[in-house]
Amino acid sequence: MTKKTDKIKSYRVLLNKGLNFLEKAPVWPLLEEEIALVRKCGATLFLAGNGGSASNANHLATDLIYGANMQGKGAFRVHALSANSSVMTCLGNDAGYENIFAKQLEALARAGDRVIVFSGSGNSPNILRALQAARRLRVRSIAFLGFDGGKAKALSDLVLHFPIHDMQVTEDLHMIAGHLLLKASQ
């Protein structure tokens, strides 16, 4: 076997492990209910992540704004906190990078809104501060996590934690979970 084949095989093994975990995750029905409630109540769903997780947050925002309404069931009120580079660089410069999501939640969120954070490690300071702000603001929090879940695991109301110690596989699983939430809302 070549090194390329070995890498593909090990990637597939980890991805399958995560998918098998997702299929049996007891939190999944609660996540589907939570997303349905967001739409029904007209709450705003905020999404946040760093790097590839920011891309996942932005992608899920797009899916819920447009894709979820393709059957005429109604769009979601969604705001990706990682999408506005002007706001992020302003807050990073003036308030510190660790506050780029918390400050946005403080300005935009209302009690009863929801936030989904995407984090491989669960230890990014800006994700932790966002979760702390959500708690103060009475915004229900959902975390998509990998590795050991980090500190975010204890700060979140609902946790979808893939115990996979590979960032790229974790990000792929988060994307798949986002797509499954979209499909559940269609």
C-alpha atoms as a PDB file:
ATOM      1  CA  MET A   1       0.000   0.000   0.000  1.00  0.00           C
ATOM      2  CA  THR A   2       1.169   3.525  -0.727  1.00  0.00           C
ATOM      3  CA  LYS A   3       1.285   6.324   1.821  1.00  0.00           C
ATOM      4  CA  LYS A   4      -1.592   8.004  -0.014  1.00  0.00           C
ATOM      5  CA  THR A   5      -3.725   4.858   0.290  1.00  0.00           C
ATOM      6  CA  ASP A   6      -2.852   4.558   3.985  1.00  0.00           C
ATOM      7  CA  LYS A   7      -3.909   8.155   4.609  1.00  0.00           C
ATOM      8  CA  ILE A   8      -7.203   7.702   2.781  1.00  0.00           C
ATOM      9  CA  LYS A   9      -7.915   4.500   4.691  1.00  0.00           C
ATOM     10  CA  SER A  10      -7.163   6.039   8.099  1.00  0.00           C
ATOM     11  CA  TYR A  11      -9.227   9.128   7.230  1.00  0.00           C
ATOM     12  CA  ARG A  12     -12.150   6.913   6.214  1.00  0.00           C
ATOM     13  CA  VAL A  13     -11.869   4.909   9.434  1.00  0.00           C
ATOM     14  CA  LEU A  14     -12.084   8.076  11.546  1.00  0.00           C
ATOM     15  CA  LEU A  15     -14.904   9.538   9.448  1.00  0.00           C
ATOM     16  CA  ASN A  16     -16.890   6.296   9.730  1.00  0.00           C
ATOM     17  CA  LYS A  17     -16.272   6.234  13.485  1.00  0.00           C
ATOM     18  CA  GLY A  18     -17.736   9.739  13.713  1.00  0.00           C
ATOM     19  CA  LEU A  19     -20.709   8.912  11.499  1.00  0.00           C
ATOM     20  CA  ASN A  20     -21.474   5.813  13.565  1.00  0.00           C
ATOM     21  CA  PHE A  21     -21.278   7.959  16.684  1.00  0.00           C
ATOM     22  CA  LEU A  22     -23.613  10.563  15.149  1.00  0.00           C
ATOM     23  CA  GLU A  23     -26.155   7.919  14.181  1.00  0.00           C
ATOM     24  CA  LYS A  24     -26.460   6.868  17.834  1.00  0.00           C
ATOM     25  CA  ALA A  25     -25.929  10.266  19.514  1.00  0.00           C
ATOM     26  CA  PRO A  26     -28.707  10.739  22.100  1.00  0.00           C
ATOM     27  CA  VAL A  27     -28.388  14.527  21.740  1.00  0.00           C
ATOM     28  CA  TRP A  28     -29.386  14.458  18.053  1.00  0.00           C
ATOM     29  CA  PRO A  29     -33.206  14.510  18.517  1.00  0.00           C
ATOM     30  CA  LEU A  30     -32.761  17.403  20.962  1.00  0.00           C
ATOM     31  CA  LEU A  31     -30.747  19.336  18.376  1.00  0.00           C
ATOM     32  CA  GLU A  32     -33.452  18.800  15.750  1.00  0.00           C
ATOM     33  CA  GLU A  33     -36.108  20.000  18.219  1.00  0.00           C
ATOM     34  CA  GLU A  34     -34.006  23.025  19.152  1.00  0.00           C
ATOM     35  CA  ILE A  35     -33.590  24.070  15.512  1.00  0.00           C
ATOM     36  CA  ALA A  36     -37.323  23.594  14.852  1.00  0.00           C
ATOM     37  CA  LEU A  37     -38.096  25.759  17.887  1.00  0.00           C
ATOM     38  CA  VAL A  38     -35.787  28.512  16.620  1.00  0.00           C
ATOM     39  CA  ARG A  39     -37.816  28.714  13.417  1.00  0.00           C
ATOM     40  CA  LYS A  40     -41.200  28.451  15.157  1.00  0.00           C
ATOM     41  CA  CYS A  41     -40.419  31.185  17.701  1.00  0.00           C
ATOM     42  CA  GLY A  42     -38.680  33.487  15.238  1.00  0.00           C
ATOM     43  CA  ALA A  43     -35.557  33.495  17.383  1.00  0.00           C
ATOM     44  CA  THR A  44     -32.223  34.382  15.869  1.00  0.00           C
ATOM     45  CA  LEU A  45     -29.624  31.667  15.484  1.00  0.00           C
ATOM     46  CA  PHE A  46     -26.053  32.919  15.776  1.00  0.00           C
ATOM     47  CA  LEU A  47     -23.146  30.826  14.488  1.00  0.00           C
ATOM     48  CA  ALA A  48     -19.442  31.141  15.322  1.00  0.00           C
ATOM     49  CA  GLY A  49     -16.156  29.386  14.679  1.00  0.00           C
ATOM     50  CA  ASN A  50     -12.509  29.962  13.791  1.00  0.00           C
ATOM     51  CA  GLY A  51     -10.699  28.942  10.600  1.00  0.00           C
ATOM     52  CA  GLY A  52     -12.377  25.924   9.017  1.00  0.00           C
ATOM     53  CA  SER A  53     -15.003  26.078  11.750  1.00  0.00           C
ATOM     54  CA  ALA A  54     -15.788  29.662  10.674  1.00  0.00           C
ATOM     55  CA  SER A  55     -16.363  28.297   7.183  1.00  0.00           C
ATOM     56  CA  ASN A  56     -18.713  25.672   8.633  1.00  0.00           C
ATOM     57  CA  ALA A  57     -20.596  28.388  10.543  1.00  0.00           C
ATOM     58  CA  ASN A  58     -20.926  30.536   7.428  1.00  0.00           C
ATOM     59  CA  HIS A  59     -21.986  27.548   5.338  1.00  0.00           C
ATOM     60  CA  LEU A  60     -24.696  26.488   7.789  1.00  0.00           C
ATOM     61  CA  ALA A  61     -25.972  30.075   7.879  1.00  0.00           C
ATOM     62  CA  THR A  62     -26.356  29.981   4.099  1.00  0.00           C
ATOM     63  CA  ASP A  63     -28.134  26.640   4.233  1.00  0.00           C
ATOM     64  CA  LEU A  64     -30.597  27.791   6.884  1.00  0.00           C
ATOM     65  CA  ILE A  65     -31.324  31.115   5.218  1.00  0.00           C
ATOM     66  CA  TYR A  66     -31.907  29.679   1.772  1.00  0.00           C
ATOM     67  CA  GLY A  67     -31.838  25.876   1.623  1.00  0.00           C
ATOM     68  CA  ALA A  68     -34.223  25.350   4.531  1.00  0.00           C
ATOM     69  CA  ASN A  69     -36.886  27.411   2.781  1.00  0.00           C
ATOM     70  CA  MET A  70     -36.746  25.627  -0.574  1.00  0.00           C
ATOM     71  CA  GLN A  71     -39.891  23.671   0.368  1.00  0.00           C
ATOM     72  CA  GLY A  72     -41.677  26.856   1.513  1.00  0.00           C
ATOM     73  CA  LYS A  73     -41.443  26.145   5.249  1.00  0.00           C
ATOM     74  CA  GLY A  74     -39.809  29.500   5.968  1.00  0.00           C
ATOM     75  CA  ALA A  75     -36.271  30.690   6.363  1.00  0.00           C
ATOM     76  CA  PHE A  76     -34.423  30.993   9.635  1.00  0.00           C
ATOM     77  CA  ARG A  77     -33.223  34.216  11.207  1.00  0.00           C
ATOM     78  CA  VAL A  78     -29.498  33.448  11.093  1.00  0.00           C
ATOM     79  CA  HIS A  79     -26.382  35.525  11.683  1.00  0.00           C
ATOM     80  CA  ALA A  80     -22.887  34.125  11.185  1.00  0.00           C
ATOM     81  CA  LEU A  81     -20.670  35.997  13.634  1.00  0.00           C
ATOM     82  CA  SER A  82     -17.577  35.046  11.650  1.00  0.00           C
ATOM     83  CA  ALA A  83     -18.828  36.505   8.353  1.00  0.00           C
ATOM     84  CA  ASN A  84     -18.211  40.235   8.750  1.00  0.00           C
ATOM     85  CA  SER A  85     -14.474  40.848   8.514  1.00  0.00           C
ATOM     86  CA  SER A  86     -14.844  44.574   9.292  1.00  0.00           C
ATOM     87  CA  VAL A  87     -16.613  43.858  12.583  1.00  0.00           C
ATOM     88  CA  MET A  88     -14.216  41.046  13.472  1.00  0.00           C
ATOM     89  CA  THR A  89     -11.071  43.084  12.801  1.00  0.00           C
ATOM     90  CA  CYS A  90     -12.480  46.110  14.635  1.00  0.00           C
ATOM     91  CA  LEU A  91     -13.340  44.038  17.693  1.00  0.00           C
ATOM     92  CA  GLY A  92     -10.084  42.097  17.486  1.00  0.00           C
ATOM     93  CA  ASN A  93      -8.104  45.312  17.405  1.00  0.00           C
ATOM     94  CA  ASP A  94     -10.090  47.306  19.972  1.00  0.00           C
ATOM     95  CA  ALA A  95     -11.549  44.677  22.326  1.00  0.00           C
ATOM     96  CA  GLY A  96      -9.184  41.735  21.798  1.00  0.00           C
ATOM     97  CA  TYR A  97      -9.540  38.714  19.535  1.00  0.00           C
ATOM     98  CA  GLU A  98     -10.905  36.704  22.462  1.00  0.00           C
ATOM     99  CA  ASN A  99     -13.987  38.980  22.443  1.00  0.00           C
ATOM    100  CA  ILE A 100     -14.893  39.023  18.731  1.00  0.00           C
ATOM    101  CA  PHE A 101     -17.951  36.801  19.161  1.00  0.00           C
ATOM    102  CA  ALA A 102     -19.015  37.784  22.703  1.00  0.00           C
ATOM    103  CA  LYS A 103     -19.169  41.488  21.798  1.00  0.00           C
ATOM    104  CA  GLN A 104     -21.332  40.714  18.763  1.00  0.00           C
ATOM    105  CA  LEU A 105     -23.700  38.634  20.881  1.00  0.00           C
ATOM    106  CA  GLU A 106     -23.902  41.432  23.451  1.00  0.00           C
ATOM    107  CA  ALA A 107     -24.894  43.868  20.692  1.00  0.00           C
ATOM    108  CA  LEU A 108     -27.261  41.638  18.714  1.00  0.00           C
ATOM    109  CA  ALA A 109     -28.673  38.780  20.799  1.00  0.00           C
ATOM    110  CA  ARG A 110     -31.837  38.711  22.862  1.00  0.00           C
ATOM    111  CA  ALA A 111     -32.949  36.279  25.526  1.00  0.00           C
ATOM    112  CA  GLY A 112     -34.391  33.207  23.800  1.00  0.00           C
ATOM    113  CA  ASP A 113     -32.030  33.367  20.830  1.00  0.00           C
ATOM    114  CA  ARG A 114     -29.597  30.497  20.172  1.00  0.00           C
ATOM    115  CA  VAL A 115     -25.926  30.248  19.319  1.00  0.00           C
ATOM    116  CA  ILE A 116     -24.099  27.334  17.739  1.00  0.00           C
ATOM    117  CA  VAL A 117     -20.338  27.330  18.174  1.00  0.00           C
ATOM    118  CA  PHE A 118     -18.051  25.127  16.102  1.00  0.00           C
ATOM    119  CA  SER A 119     -14.716  24.206  17.646  1.00  0.00           C
ATOM    120  CA  GLY A 120     -12.373  21.302  17.168  1.00  0.00           C
ATOM    121  CA  SER A 121     -10.607  21.734  20.506  1.00  0.00           C
ATOM    122  CA  GLY A 122     -13.364  23.440  22.480  1.00  0.00           C
ATOM    123  CA  ASN A 123     -10.727  25.678  24.024  1.00  0.00           C
ATOM    124  CA  SER A 124     -10.532  28.754  21.775  1.00  0.00           C
ATOM    125  CA  PRO A 125     -10.795  31.822  24.037  1.00  0.00           C
ATOM    126  CA  ASN A 126     -13.222  33.597  21.695  1.00  0.00           C
ATOM    127  CA  ILE A 127     -15.526  30.556  21.666  1.00  0.00           C
ATOM    128  CA  LEU A 128     -15.407  30.279  25.455  1.00  0.00           C
ATOM    129  CA  ARG A 129     -16.174  33.993  25.866  1.00  0.00           C
ATOM    130  CA  ALA A 130     -19.077  33.653  23.419  1.00  0.00           C
ATOM    131  CA  LEU A 131     -20.519  30.808  25.491  1.00  0.00           C
ATOM    132  CA  GLN A 132     -20.110  32.821  28.691  1.00  0.00           C
ATOM    133  CA  ALA A 133     -21.837  35.816  27.065  1.00  0.00           C
ATOM    134  CA  ALA A 134     -24.645  33.552  25.849  1.00  0.00           C
ATOM    135  CA  ARG A 135     -25.244  32.350  29.382  1.00  0.00           C
ATOM    136  CA  ARG A 136     -25.353  35.926  30.723  1.00  0.00           C
ATOM    137  CA  LEU A 137     -27.735  36.970  27.942  1.00  0.00           C
ATOM    138  CA  ARG A 138     -29.984  33.896  28.385  1.00  0.00           C
ATOM    139  CA  VAL A 139     -29.142  32.711  24.883  1.00  0.00           C
ATOM    140  CA  ARG A 140     -29.264  28.934  24.628  1.00  0.00           C
ATOM    141  CA  SER A 141     -25.950  27.482  23.418  1.00  0.00           C
ATOM    142  CA  ILE A 142     -25.130  24.514  21.242  1.00  0.00           C
ATOM    143  CA  ALA A 143     -21.565  23.344  20.698  1.00  0.00           C
ATOM    144  CA  PHE A 144     -20.215  21.157  17.913  1.00  0.00           C
ATOM    145  CA  LEU A 145     -16.923  19.877  19.320  1.00  0.00           C
ATOM    146  CA  GLY A 146     -14.114  17.427  18.659  1.00  0.00           C
ATOM    147  CA  PHE A 147     -11.081  16.040  20.495  1.00  0.00           C
ATOM    148  CA  ASP A 148     -11.953  15.892  24.245  1.00  0.00           C
ATOM    149  CA  GLY A 149     -14.520  18.698  23.991  1.00  0.00           C
ATOM    150  CA  GLY A 150     -12.391  21.168  25.920  1.00  0.00           C
ATOM    151  CA  LYS A 151     -13.804  23.763  28.283  1.00  0.00           C
ATOM    152  CA  ALA A 152     -16.656  24.542  25.869  1.00  0.00           C
ATOM    153  CA  LYS A 153     -18.277  21.221  26.697  1.00  0.00           C
ATOM    154  CA  ALA A 154     -19.183  22.337  30.223  1.00  0.00           C
ATOM    155  CA  LEU A 155     -20.249  25.841  29.132  1.00  0.00           C
ATOM    156  CA  SER A 156     -22.805  24.694  26.536  1.00  0.00           C
ATOM    157  CA  ASP A 157     -26.453  23.780  26.954  1.00  0.00           C
ATOM    158  CA  LEU A 158     -26.398  21.123  24.207  1.00  0.00           C
ATOM    159  CA  VAL A 159     -23.238  19.419  22.981  1.00  0.00           C
ATOM    160  CA  LEU A 160     -22.566  17.377  19.885  1.00  0.00           C
ATOM    161  CA  HIS A 161     -19.123  16.072  20.717  1.00  0.00           C
ATOM    162  CA  PHE A 162     -17.207  13.881  18.307  1.00  0.00           C
ATOM    163  CA  PRO A 163     -14.363  12.276  20.277  1.00  0.00           C
ATOM    164  CA  ILE A 164     -12.132  12.351  17.196  1.00  0.00           C
ATOM    165  CA  HIS A 165      -8.557  13.597  17.584  1.00  0.00           C
ATOM    166  CA  ASP A 166      -8.152  14.884  14.038  1.00  0.00           C
ATOM    167  CA  MET A 167      -9.063  18.470  13.168  1.00  0.00           C
ATOM    168  CA  GLN A 168      -9.957  17.892   9.524  1.00  0.00           C
ATOM    169  CA  VAL A 169     -12.151  14.869  10.224  1.00  0.00           C
ATOM    170  CA  THR A 170     -13.809  16.783  13.071  1.00  0.00           C
ATOM    171  CA  GLU A 171     -14.548  19.720  10.773  1.00  0.00           C
ATOM    172  CA  ASP A 172     -15.969  17.333   8.159  1.00  0.00           C
ATOM    173  CA  LEU A 173     -18.234  15.753  10.778  1.00  0.00           C
ATOM    174  CA  HIS A 174     -19.418  19.178  11.900  1.00  0.00           C
ATOM    175  CA  MET A 175     -20.273  20.018   8.282  1.00  0.00           C
ATOM    176  CA  ILE A 176     -22.189  16.750   7.909  1.00  0.00           C
ATOM    177  CA  ALA A 177     -24.086  17.431  11.143  1.00  0.00           C
ATOM    178  CA  GLY A 178     -24.975  20.888   9.829  1.00  0.00           C
ATOM    179  CA  HIS A 179     -26.249  19.413   6.594  1.00  0.00           C
ATOM    180  CA  LEU A 180     -28.324  16.890   8.536  1.00  0.00           C
ATOM    181  CA  LEU A 181     -29.876  19.741  10.561  1.00  0.00           C
ATOM    182  CA  LEU A 182     -30.716  21.432   7.256  1.00  0.00           C
ATOM    183  CA  LYS A 183     -32.346  18.260   5.941  1.00  0.00           C
ATOM    184  CA  ALA A 184     -34.326  17.879   9.170  1.00  0.00           C
ATOM    185  CA  SER A 185     -35.664  21.424   8.726  1.00  0.00           C
ATOM    186  CA  GLN A 186     -36.741  21.036   5.084  1.00  0.00           C
END
